[in-house]
Amino acid sequence: WIWKAAIAGFCGSAVHTLLMYLKSRTGLLPAFQPYENLQAALGHLTGGEVHRIVPWAMSFLNGSTFLGFCFGWLYARLPGNSGAAKGMTFGILGWAVMGFVFFPLLGLGPFVSKLDLGIWPALFSLAMILAYSVVLGIVYAALNSWRPIEPPRAGLK
């Protein structure tokens, strides 16, 4: 299941990265820059400058490995009858953790409330996480249903 989780996590991370790129290109919520906030927090922790690729790479690798492995381990325990439904449950749980733990650690407050942008950062982060987790779930379920084709046995017609 580990390689399936890694591939599914990679696919989810690719979708997440694409959506973050589109956010940047379209100028959507310009005051909400979670990678820049993470970059600043990492710089503060290390006492130096952190290149802007580091938060993106951390997010991509985390989504491709750790979160993918957590999803693979939890897959049978998550509610839902499809990979998409299980991914949605995983995403909502992840969104709650991000909103109540990760964003406050970055100094943004619960669900980015300190930016005074209303509900939009919370909804955008929900959309981003659901895009990641639903793709993760769909790909993981597809990989789980895949069975290699066995060659015909000698003597059978």
Protein backbone atom coordinates (compact mmCIF):
# COMPACT_ATOMS: atom_id res chain seq x y z
CA TRP A 1 0.00 0.00 0.00
CA ILE A 2 2.96 2.32 0.49
CA TRP A 3 3.71 2.80 -3.21
CA LYS A 4 -0.01 3.34 -3.90
CA ALA A 5 -0.18 5.98 -1.17
CA ALA A 6 2.93 7.72 -2.53
CA ILE A 7 1.57 7.81 -6.09
CA ALA A 8 -1.85 9.02 -4.91
CA GLY A 9 -0.19 11.64 -2.68
CA PHE A 10 1.93 12.82 -5.59
CA CYS A 11 -1.19 13.23 -7.77
CA GLY A 12 -3.01 15.14 -5.04
CA SER A 13 0.03 17.35 -4.49
CA ALA A 14 0.26 18.07 -8.21
CA VAL A 15 -3.37 19.26 -8.25
CA HIS A 16 -2.77 21.34 -5.12
CA THR A 17 0.30 22.93 -6.70
CA LEU A 18 -1.60 23.71 -9.89
CA LEU A 19 -4.38 25.42 -7.94
CA MET A 20 -1.86 27.46 -5.92
CA TYR A 21 -0.23 28.50 -9.19
CA LEU A 22 -3.62 29.57 -10.57
CA LYS A 23 -4.30 31.51 -7.36
CA SER A 24 -1.03 33.34 -7.84
CA ARG A 25 -1.60 34.04 -11.55
CA THR A 26 -5.16 35.30 -11.09
CA GLY A 27 -4.41 37.42 -8.03
CA LEU A 28 -7.09 35.70 -5.95
CA LEU A 29 -6.92 36.70 -2.27
CA PRO A 30 -3.60 38.54 -2.59
CA ALA A 31 -3.35 39.14 1.18
CA PHE A 32 -3.61 35.39 1.86
CA GLN A 33 -0.18 33.93 1.07
CA PRO A 34 0.27 30.79 3.19
CA TYR A 35 3.58 29.81 1.57
CA GLU A 36 5.03 33.25 2.27
CA ASN A 37 3.79 33.02 5.87
CA LEU A 38 5.42 29.60 6.21
CA GLN A 39 8.62 30.96 4.65
CA ALA A 40 8.69 33.79 7.20
CA ALA A 41 8.03 31.40 10.10
CA LEU A 42 10.82 29.07 8.91
CA GLY A 43 13.17 32.03 8.60
CA HIS A 44 12.33 33.07 12.13
CA LEU A 45 12.93 29.53 13.43
CA THR A 46 16.25 29.12 11.62
CA GLY A 47 17.46 32.66 12.22
CA GLY A 48 18.14 33.21 8.54
CA GLU A 49 16.58 33.60 5.17
CA VAL A 50 14.70 30.69 3.65
CA HIS A 51 14.43 30.45 -0.12
CA ARG A 52 10.85 30.72 -1.38
CA ILE A 53 11.00 27.25 -2.96
CA VAL A 54 11.45 25.62 0.48
CA PRO A 55 7.84 26.02 1.74
CA TRP A 56 6.47 24.82 -1.60
CA ALA A 57 8.84 21.81 -1.63
CA MET A 58 7.94 20.99 1.98
CA SER A 59 4.24 21.11 1.15
CA PHE A 60 4.68 18.99 -1.97
CA LEU A 61 6.82 16.38 -0.21
CA ASN A 62 4.52 16.32 2.81
CA GLY A 63 1.50 15.76 0.59
CA SER A 64 3.28 13.14 -1.48
CA THR A 65 4.67 11.19 1.44
CA PHE A 66 3.47 11.74 4.99
CA LEU A 67 -0.14 12.68 4.22
CA GLY A 68 -0.35 10.07 1.48
CA PHE A 69 0.90 7.40 3.89
CA CYS A 70 -1.54 8.55 6.60
CA PHE A 71 -4.37 8.32 4.08
CA GLY A 72 -3.28 4.85 2.96
CA TRP A 73 -3.11 3.67 6.56
CA LEU A 74 -6.51 5.17 7.40
CA TYR A 75 -8.21 4.25 4.10
CA ALA A 76 -10.13 1.21 5.37
CA ARG A 77 -11.19 3.11 8.50
CA LEU A 78 -12.48 6.26 6.78
CA PRO A 79 -16.23 6.47 6.17
CA GLY A 80 -17.47 6.35 2.62
CA ASN A 81 -17.98 3.85 -0.16
CA SER A 82 -15.65 5.42 -2.69
CA GLY A 83 -12.17 6.85 -2.81
CA ALA A 84 -13.61 10.32 -3.43
CA ALA A 85 -15.83 10.10 -0.32
CA LYS A 86 -12.96 8.82 1.82
CA GLY A 87 -10.76 11.59 0.41
CA MET A 88 -13.40 14.19 1.26
CA THR A 89 -13.56 12.97 4.87
CA PHE A 90 -9.76 13.02 5.09
CA GLY A 91 -9.72 16.52 3.61
CA ILE A 92 -12.28 17.94 6.01
CA LEU A 93 -10.30 16.54 8.95
CA GLY A 94 -7.11 18.01 7.48
CA TRP A 95 -8.81 21.37 6.94
CA ALA A 96 -9.86 21.46 10.60
CA VAL A 97 -6.30 20.70 11.72
CA MET A 98 -4.92 23.35 9.38
CA GLY A 99 -7.46 25.92 10.54
CA PHE A 100 -7.09 25.29 14.26
CA VAL A 101 -3.38 24.39 14.47
CA PHE A 102 -1.29 25.26 11.41
CA PHE A 103 -2.61 28.75 10.65
CA PRO A 104 -2.43 29.86 14.30
CA LEU A 105 1.18 28.59 14.46
CA LEU A 106 1.95 30.89 11.51
CA GLY A 107 0.41 33.81 13.41
CA LEU A 108 -2.66 33.98 11.16
CA GLY A 109 -5.18 32.95 13.81
CA PRO A 110 -7.81 30.22 13.50
CA PHE A 111 -8.83 29.86 9.87
CA VAL A 112 -6.77 32.96 8.99
CA SER A 113 -9.05 35.21 11.05
CA LYS A 114 -6.30 37.75 11.78
CA LEU A 115 -6.16 38.89 8.15
CA ASP A 116 -9.69 40.31 8.38
CA LEU A 117 -10.64 38.86 4.99
CA GLY A 118 -13.81 37.26 6.22
CA ILE A 119 -14.57 33.65 5.42
CA TRP A 120 -12.74 33.65 2.06
CA PRO A 121 -9.33 32.30 3.20
CA ALA A 122 -11.08 29.51 5.12
CA LEU A 123 -13.19 28.60 2.08
CA PHE A 124 -10.19 28.80 -0.24
CA SER A 125 -8.11 26.56 2.03
CA LEU A 126 -11.04 24.12 2.18
CA ALA A 127 -11.23 24.06 -1.62
CA MET A 128 -7.47 23.51 -1.87
CA ILE A 129 -7.44 20.68 0.65
CA LEU A 130 -10.49 19.02 -0.87
CA ALA A 131 -8.92 19.20 -4.33
CA TYR A 132 -5.84 17.47 -2.92
CA SER A 133 -7.68 14.89 -0.83
CA VAL A 134 -10.39 13.95 -3.34
CA VAL A 135 -7.76 13.36 -6.03
CA LEU A 136 -5.72 11.44 -3.45
CA GLY A 137 -8.75 9.27 -2.67
CA ILE A 138 -9.73 8.66 -6.30
CA VAL A 139 -6.20 7.69 -7.32
CA TYR A 140 -5.67 5.50 -4.26
CA ALA A 141 -8.98 3.68 -4.86
CA ALA A 142 -8.13 3.21 -8.53
CA LEU A 143 -4.72 1.76 -7.65
CA ASN A 144 -6.34 -0.54 -5.10
CA SER A 145 -8.79 -1.86 -7.68
CA TRP A 146 -6.09 -2.47 -10.27
CA ARG A 147 -5.05 -6.08 -10.63
CA PRO A 148 -2.31 -7.21 -12.97
CA ILE A 149 -3.47 -9.34 -15.85
CA GLU A 150 -2.35 -12.88 -15.38
CA PRO A 151 -0.95 -14.67 -18.40
CA PRO A 152 -2.95 -17.65 -19.61
CA ARG A 153 -1.95 -20.93 -18.05
CA ALA A 154 -0.52 -23.64 -20.21
CA GLY A 155 -3.07 -26.26 -21.21
CA LEU A 156 -6.12 -24.02 -20.68
CA LYS A 157 -8.18 -23.01 -23.65
